[in-house]
Amino acid sequence: MMRSFLIVTFFLLLQSCANKEKVPGGILPKQQMREVMWDMIRASEFLQAYVFTKDSTIDKIAESQKWYNKVFQIHKTDKATFEKSFAYYKANPLLMKDMLDTLARKFITPGAGRYPADSAFKKRDSMRLQHQSTTRPVDSLLRKKLIRKTKPLKPV
């Protein structure tokens, strides 16, 4: 009796220590799901910024489905698999949090994804930082001089 209890306990312990990040069959792996979600977000942003603003007579749902199907085609998946995978990740908050955090970092950091960073952005950003570092002290010193030179208003 004690021996069977120890065996069952051992197998339960093994099961609890199993890899939590391994996804079941029919579910997109984490990396592929990240890429699909990233491209879906980018397609949605493109639609909102360029397509829907230029022509208000476009059927938004049909146009969105067309672009999302292109994303699914690029990643060699389909809508049903994506929805099933999204439901799985939504049911596992730790996996979903990790995925969304990665997407947020990719959105904030240019070039953090698989596409290289825009060199114009880097140059513009570095020029802005240089400009700020040289002008801020001058501006604050100039402001202090102007404050000292102005005469206080006399009460009426």
C-alpha atoms as a PDB file:
ATOM      1  CA  MET A   1       0.000   0.000   0.000  1.00  0.00           C
ATOM      2  CA  MET A   2       2.727   2.447   0.977  1.00  0.00           C
ATOM      3  CA  ARG A   3       4.720   1.541  -2.100  1.00  0.00           C
ATOM      4  CA  SER A   4       1.832   2.314  -4.482  1.00  0.00           C
ATOM      5  CA  PHE A   5       1.236   5.604  -2.661  1.00  0.00           C
ATOM      6  CA  LEU A   6       4.888   6.596  -3.177  1.00  0.00           C
ATOM      7  CA  ILE A   7       4.744   5.669  -6.875  1.00  0.00           C
ATOM      8  CA  VAL A   8       1.594   7.739  -7.436  1.00  0.00           C
ATOM      9  CA  THR A   9       3.104  10.657  -5.518  1.00  0.00           C
ATOM     10  CA  PHE A  10       6.291  10.420  -7.565  1.00  0.00           C
ATOM     11  CA  PHE A  11       4.370  10.542 -10.868  1.00  0.00           C
ATOM     12  CA  LEU A  12       2.277  13.471  -9.670  1.00  0.00           C
ATOM     13  CA  LEU A  13       5.460  15.294  -8.722  1.00  0.00           C
ATOM     14  CA  LEU A  14       6.929  14.609 -12.156  1.00  0.00           C
ATOM     15  CA  GLN A  15       3.767  15.873 -13.812  1.00  0.00           C
ATOM     16  CA  SER A  16       3.773  19.079 -11.772  1.00  0.00           C
ATOM     17  CA  CYS A  17       7.418  19.754 -12.668  1.00  0.00           C
ATOM     18  CA  ALA A  18       6.811  19.296 -16.382  1.00  0.00           C
ATOM     19  CA  ASN A  19       7.591  22.084 -18.825  1.00  0.00           C
ATOM     20  CA  LYS A  20       4.801  24.626 -18.424  1.00  0.00           C
ATOM     21  CA  GLU A  21       5.740  26.469 -21.610  1.00  0.00           C
ATOM     22  CA  LYS A  22       5.194  23.476 -23.864  1.00  0.00           C
ATOM     23  CA  VAL A  23       1.997  23.957 -25.814  1.00  0.00           C
ATOM     24  CA  PRO A  24      -0.345  21.136 -26.813  1.00  0.00           C
ATOM     25  CA  GLY A  25      -0.815  20.004 -30.406  1.00  0.00           C
ATOM     26  CA  GLY A  26      -2.863  22.247 -32.674  1.00  0.00           C
ATOM     27  CA  ILE A  27      -1.673  25.362 -30.825  1.00  0.00           C
ATOM     28  CA  LEU A  28       0.837  27.758 -32.371  1.00  0.00           C
ATOM     29  CA  PRO A  29       4.201  27.811 -30.550  1.00  0.00           C
ATOM     30  CA  LYS A  30       5.015  30.970 -28.578  1.00  0.00           C
ATOM     31  CA  GLN A  31       7.452  32.398 -31.105  1.00  0.00           C
ATOM     32  CA  GLN A  32       5.134  31.881 -34.060  1.00  0.00           C
ATOM     33  CA  MET A  33       2.162  33.236 -32.111  1.00  0.00           C
ATOM     34  CA  ARG A  34       4.189  36.372 -31.245  1.00  0.00           C
ATOM     35  CA  GLU A  35       5.026  36.920 -34.904  1.00  0.00           C
ATOM     36  CA  VAL A  36       1.431  36.412 -36.039  1.00  0.00           C
ATOM     37  CA  MET A  37       0.099  38.764 -33.356  1.00  0.00           C
ATOM     38  CA  TRP A  38       2.741  41.380 -34.198  1.00  0.00           C
ATOM     39  CA  ASP A  39       1.820  41.273 -37.886  1.00  0.00           C
ATOM     40  CA  MET A  40      -1.889  41.391 -37.031  1.00  0.00           C
ATOM     41  CA  ILE A  41      -1.287  44.529 -34.957  1.00  0.00           C
ATOM     42  CA  ARG A  42       0.731  46.087 -37.768  1.00  0.00           C
ATOM     43  CA  ALA A  43      -1.956  45.228 -40.338  1.00  0.00           C
ATOM     44  CA  SER A  44      -4.601  46.773 -38.094  1.00  0.00           C
ATOM     45  CA  GLU A  45      -2.534  49.939 -37.640  1.00  0.00           C
ATOM     46  CA  PHE A  46      -2.013  50.165 -41.407  1.00  0.00           C
ATOM     47  CA  LEU A  47      -5.724  49.803 -42.037  1.00  0.00           C
ATOM     48  CA  GLN A  48      -6.631  52.463 -39.473  1.00  0.00           C
ATOM     49  CA  ALA A  49      -3.967  54.941 -40.556  1.00  0.00           C
ATOM     50  CA  TYR A  50      -4.028  54.642 -44.339  1.00  0.00           C
ATOM     51  CA  VAL A  51      -6.824  52.554 -45.794  1.00  0.00           C
ATOM     52  CA  PHE A  52      -9.897  53.599 -43.803  1.00  0.00           C
ATOM     53  CA  THR A  53      -8.977  57.286 -43.692  1.00  0.00           C
ATOM     54  CA  LYS A  54      -8.634  57.595 -47.473  1.00  0.00           C
ATOM     55  CA  ASP A  55     -11.966  56.031 -48.419  1.00  0.00           C
ATOM     56  CA  SER A  56     -14.920  56.018 -46.057  1.00  0.00           C
ATOM     57  CA  THR A  57     -17.035  53.788 -48.329  1.00  0.00           C
ATOM     58  CA  ILE A  58     -14.830  50.732 -47.781  1.00  0.00           C
ATOM     59  CA  ASP A  59     -16.399  47.804 -45.946  1.00  0.00           C
ATOM     60  CA  LYS A  60     -14.128  47.781 -42.896  1.00  0.00           C
ATOM     61  CA  ILE A  61     -14.880  44.201 -41.844  1.00  0.00           C
ATOM     62  CA  ALA A  62     -14.270  42.732 -45.303  1.00  0.00           C
ATOM     63  CA  GLU A  63     -11.094  44.753 -45.820  1.00  0.00           C
ATOM     64  CA  SER A  64      -9.796  43.747 -42.382  1.00  0.00           C
ATOM     65  CA  GLN A  65     -10.476  40.074 -43.068  1.00  0.00           C
ATOM     66  CA  LYS A  66      -8.633  40.362 -46.388  1.00  0.00           C
ATOM     67  CA  TRP A  67      -5.532  41.767 -44.678  1.00  0.00           C
ATOM     68  CA  TYR A  68      -5.704  39.301 -41.786  1.00  0.00           C
ATOM     69  CA  ASN A  69      -5.945  36.423 -44.256  1.00  0.00           C
ATOM     70  CA  LYS A  70      -2.773  37.737 -45.893  1.00  0.00           C
ATOM     71  CA  VAL A  71      -1.052  37.623 -42.496  1.00  0.00           C
ATOM     72  CA  PHE A  72      -2.265  34.056 -41.948  1.00  0.00           C
ATOM     73  CA  GLN A  73      -1.015  33.107 -45.399  1.00  0.00           C
ATOM     74  CA  ILE A  74       2.432  34.599 -44.713  1.00  0.00           C
ATOM     75  CA  HIS A  75       2.726  32.614 -41.474  1.00  0.00           C
ATOM     76  CA  LYS A  76       1.249  29.437 -43.001  1.00  0.00           C
ATOM     77  CA  THR A  77      -1.661  29.198 -40.598  1.00  0.00           C
ATOM     78  CA  ASP A  78      -5.398  29.849 -40.673  1.00  0.00           C
ATOM     79  CA  LYS A  79      -7.992  31.780 -38.719  1.00  0.00           C
ATOM     80  CA  ALA A  80      -9.278  28.743 -36.803  1.00  0.00           C
ATOM     81  CA  THR A  81      -5.791  27.775 -35.605  1.00  0.00           C
ATOM     82  CA  PHE A  82      -5.050  31.364 -34.602  1.00  0.00           C
ATOM     83  CA  GLU A  83      -8.303  31.693 -32.652  1.00  0.00           C
ATOM     84  CA  LYS A  84      -7.737  28.338 -30.927  1.00  0.00           C
ATOM     85  CA  SER A  85      -4.177  29.367 -30.039  1.00  0.00           C
ATOM     86  CA  PHE A  86      -5.302  32.791 -28.828  1.00  0.00           C
ATOM     87  CA  ALA A  87      -7.929  31.161 -26.593  1.00  0.00           C
ATOM     88  CA  TYR A  88      -5.252  28.826 -25.172  1.00  0.00           C
ATOM     89  CA  TYR A  89      -2.842  31.677 -24.408  1.00  0.00           C
ATOM     90  CA  LYS A  90      -5.664  33.751 -22.968  1.00  0.00           C
ATOM     91  CA  ALA A  91      -6.515  30.878 -20.628  1.00  0.00           C
ATOM     92  CA  ASN A  92      -2.862  30.762 -19.445  1.00  0.00           C
ATOM     93  CA  PRO A  93      -2.171  34.261 -18.068  1.00  0.00           C
ATOM     94  CA  LEU A  94       1.570  33.766 -17.502  1.00  0.00           C
ATOM     95  CA  LEU A  95       2.160  32.756 -21.111  1.00  0.00           C
ATOM     96  CA  MET A  96      -0.029  35.584 -22.389  1.00  0.00           C
ATOM     97  CA  LYS A  97       1.700  38.143 -20.146  1.00  0.00           C
ATOM     98  CA  ASP A  98       5.098  37.063 -21.428  1.00  0.00           C
ATOM     99  CA  MET A  99       3.880  37.315 -25.020  1.00  0.00           C
ATOM    100  CA  LEU A 100       2.299  40.757 -24.567  1.00  0.00           C
ATOM    101  CA  ASP A 101       5.355  42.079 -22.728  1.00  0.00           C
ATOM    102  CA  THR A 102       7.536  40.967 -25.622  1.00  0.00           C
ATOM    103  CA  LEU A 103       5.201  42.664 -28.102  1.00  0.00           C
ATOM    104  CA  ALA A 104       5.254  45.866 -26.043  1.00  0.00           C
ATOM    105  CA  ARG A 105       9.062  45.871 -25.992  1.00  0.00           C
ATOM    106  CA  LYS A 106       9.083  45.298 -29.739  1.00  0.00           C
ATOM    107  CA  PHE A 107       6.701  48.229 -30.227  1.00  0.00           C
ATOM    108  CA  ILE A 108       8.679  50.622 -28.016  1.00  0.00           C
ATOM    109  CA  THR A 109      12.165  49.673 -29.226  1.00  0.00           C
ATOM    110  CA  PRO A 110      12.598  50.278 -32.952  1.00  0.00           C
ATOM    111  CA  GLY A 111      14.304  47.413 -34.695  1.00  0.00           C
ATOM    112  CA  ALA A 112      13.831  45.019 -31.772  1.00  0.00           C
ATOM    113  CA  GLY A 113      11.902  42.668 -34.022  1.00  0.00           C
ATOM    114  CA  ARG A 114      13.093  40.874 -37.088  1.00  0.00           C
ATOM    115  CA  TYR A 115      13.195  44.062 -39.154  1.00  0.00           C
ATOM    116  CA  PRO A 116      16.234  46.357 -38.909  1.00  0.00           C
ATOM    117  CA  ALA A 117      15.835  49.706 -37.214  1.00  0.00           C
ATOM    118  CA  ASP A 118      15.264  52.730 -39.363  1.00  0.00           C
ATOM    119  CA  SER A 119      18.585  54.526 -39.671  1.00  0.00           C
ATOM    120  CA  ALA A 120      16.808  57.855 -40.162  1.00  0.00           C
ATOM    121  CA  PHE A 121      15.074  57.367 -36.811  1.00  0.00           C
ATOM    122  CA  LYS A 122      18.380  56.699 -35.073  1.00  0.00           C
ATOM    123  CA  LYS A 123      20.006  59.757 -36.631  1.00  0.00           C
ATOM    124  CA  ARG A 124      17.046  62.021 -35.879  1.00  0.00           C
ATOM    125  CA  ASP A 125      16.831  60.714 -32.314  1.00  0.00           C
ATOM    126  CA  SER A 126      20.542  61.212 -31.642  1.00  0.00           C
ATOM    127  CA  MET A 127      20.407  64.730 -33.099  1.00  0.00           C
ATOM    128  CA  ARG A 128      17.450  65.563 -30.875  1.00  0.00           C
ATOM    129  CA  LEU A 129      19.309  64.345 -27.806  1.00  0.00           C
ATOM    130  CA  GLN A 130      22.403  66.378 -28.719  1.00  0.00           C
ATOM    131  CA  HIS A 131      20.289  69.464 -29.347  1.00  0.00           C
ATOM    132  CA  GLN A 132      18.546  69.105 -25.999  1.00  0.00           C
ATOM    133  CA  SER A 133      21.760  68.667 -24.068  1.00  0.00           C
ATOM    134  CA  THR A 134      23.273  71.841 -25.536  1.00  0.00           C
ATOM    135  CA  THR A 135      20.219  74.081 -25.440  1.00  0.00           C
ATOM    136  CA  ARG A 136      18.660  73.327 -22.082  1.00  0.00           C
ATOM    137  CA  PRO A 137      21.339  74.882 -19.878  1.00  0.00           C
ATOM    138  CA  VAL A 138      21.514  77.932 -22.155  1.00  0.00           C
ATOM    139  CA  ASP A 139      17.748  78.323 -22.065  1.00  0.00           C
ATOM    140  CA  SER A 140      17.625  78.126 -18.297  1.00  0.00           C
ATOM    141  CA  LEU A 141      20.488  80.615 -17.928  1.00  0.00           C
ATOM    142  CA  LEU A 142      18.838  82.968 -20.383  1.00  0.00           C
ATOM    143  CA  ARG A 143      15.583  82.712 -18.479  1.00  0.00           C
ATOM    144  CA  LYS A 144      17.303  83.608 -15.199  1.00  0.00           C
ATOM    145  CA  LYS A 145      18.908  86.674 -16.808  1.00  0.00           C
ATOM    146  CA  LEU A 146      15.566  87.820 -18.180  1.00  0.00           C
ATOM    147  CA  ILE A 147      13.907  87.406 -14.798  1.00  0.00           C
ATOM    148  CA  ARG A 148      16.609  89.501 -13.120  1.00  0.00           C
ATOM    149  CA  LYS A 149      16.355  92.289 -15.719  1.00  0.00           C
ATOM    150  CA  THR A 150      12.596  92.727 -15.492  1.00  0.00           C
ATOM    151  CA  LYS A 151      11.313  95.239 -13.029  1.00  0.00           C
ATOM    152  CA  PRO A 152       8.649  94.152 -10.595  1.00  0.00           C
ATOM    153  CA  LEU A 153       5.164  95.515 -11.205  1.00  0.00           C
ATOM    154  CA  LYS A 154       4.013  98.280  -8.909  1.00  0.00           C
ATOM    155  CA  PRO A 155       0.725  97.769  -7.142  1.00  0.00           C
ATOM    156  CA  VAL A 156      -2.096 100.014  -8.324  1.00  0.00           C
END
